[in-house]
Amino acid sequence: MENSEEQARRPDPELASDEAAIREALQMLHEIDDTPPQQMTALFYQHWFEQLSMTTRDLLRVLGHNPDA
C-alpha cells in the first residue's frame, strides 16, 4: 500500500499525459540507479517491482495498448 507522499507524487495513470508517464519512468530509473547496493533489501525489491509494474502499464497506455487485455 502506498503512503500519502507516494500517492501525491504519482498522478492517476488515466489522467497522466504521455510526457508525464515518460518523465516518471525516467525518474524511477534514476532513483533505482542511485541506490547503493547495501540499501537493496527485500523491501527495496518489493517496492520497485510494484513501481515498475505501474510504470510499465502507464507506458503501455501511452503506446496505445491495454495492459489489462
Protein backbone atom coordinates (compact mmCIF):
# COMPACT_ATOMS: atom_id res chain seq x y z
CA MET A 1 0.00 0.00 0.00
CA GLU A 2 1.36 3.42 -0.94
CA ASN A 3 1.81 6.14 1.63
CA SER A 4 0.32 9.60 1.08
CA GLU A 5 3.63 11.04 -0.17
CA GLU A 6 3.90 8.40 -2.90
CA GLN A 7 0.25 8.87 -3.85
CA ALA A 8 0.74 12.65 -4.12
CA ARG A 9 3.83 12.19 -6.29
CA ARG A 10 2.20 9.65 -8.58
CA PRO A 11 -0.54 11.00 -10.85
CA ASP A 12 -3.61 8.99 -11.77
CA PRO A 13 -2.46 6.95 -14.81
CA GLU A 14 -5.74 7.64 -16.61
CA LEU A 15 -5.15 11.40 -16.30
CA ALA A 16 -1.38 11.49 -16.82
CA SER A 17 -0.09 12.89 -20.07
CA ASP A 18 2.27 10.89 -22.24
CA GLU A 19 5.16 13.13 -21.27
CA ALA A 20 4.38 12.81 -17.57
CA ALA A 21 4.40 9.00 -17.82
CA ILE A 22 7.76 9.10 -19.60
CA ARG A 23 9.22 11.56 -17.06
CA GLU A 24 8.04 9.31 -14.22
CA ALA A 25 9.68 6.26 -15.82
CA LEU A 26 12.96 8.15 -16.21
CA GLN A 27 12.81 9.39 -12.61
CA MET A 28 12.18 5.86 -11.39
CA LEU A 29 15.22 4.56 -13.28
CA HIS A 30 17.41 7.33 -11.82
CA GLU A 31 16.22 6.52 -8.29
CA ILE A 32 16.97 2.82 -8.77
CA ASP A 33 20.38 3.56 -10.31
CA ASP A 34 21.27 5.91 -7.44
CA THR A 35 20.54 3.31 -4.73
CA PRO A 36 23.68 1.92 -3.08
CA PRO A 37 23.90 -1.89 -3.06
CA GLN A 38 23.77 -2.03 0.76
CA GLN A 39 20.26 -0.48 0.61
CA MET A 40 18.93 -3.08 -1.83
CA THR A 41 16.93 -5.10 0.67
CA ALA A 42 13.93 -7.36 0.09
CA LEU A 43 11.69 -4.35 0.80
CA PHE A 44 13.59 -2.34 -1.83
CA TYR A 45 12.93 -5.02 -4.44
CA GLN A 46 9.27 -5.38 -3.47
CA HIS A 47 8.72 -1.61 -3.69
CA TRP A 48 10.48 -1.21 -7.02
CA PHE A 49 8.76 -4.26 -8.53
CA GLU A 50 5.41 -2.61 -7.79
CA GLN A 51 6.61 0.75 -9.14
CA LEU A 52 7.97 -0.93 -12.28
CA SER A 53 4.65 -2.71 -12.83
CA MET A 54 2.66 0.54 -12.54
CA THR A 55 5.08 2.49 -14.73
CA THR A 56 5.13 -0.22 -17.40
CA ARG A 57 1.32 -0.15 -17.51
CA ASP A 58 1.42 3.65 -17.91
CA LEU A 59 3.91 3.37 -20.77
CA LEU A 60 1.83 0.68 -22.47
CA ARG A 61 -1.18 3.03 -22.33
CA VAL A 62 0.99 5.78 -23.87
CA LEU A 63 1.82 3.38 -26.69
CA GLY A 64 -1.86 2.65 -27.25
CA HIS A 65 -2.04 -0.78 -25.63
CA ASN A 66 -4.41 -2.03 -22.94
CA PRO A 67 -2.16 -3.56 -20.25
CA ASP A 68 -5.14 -5.46 -18.82
CA ALA A 69 -6.06 -7.19 -22.10
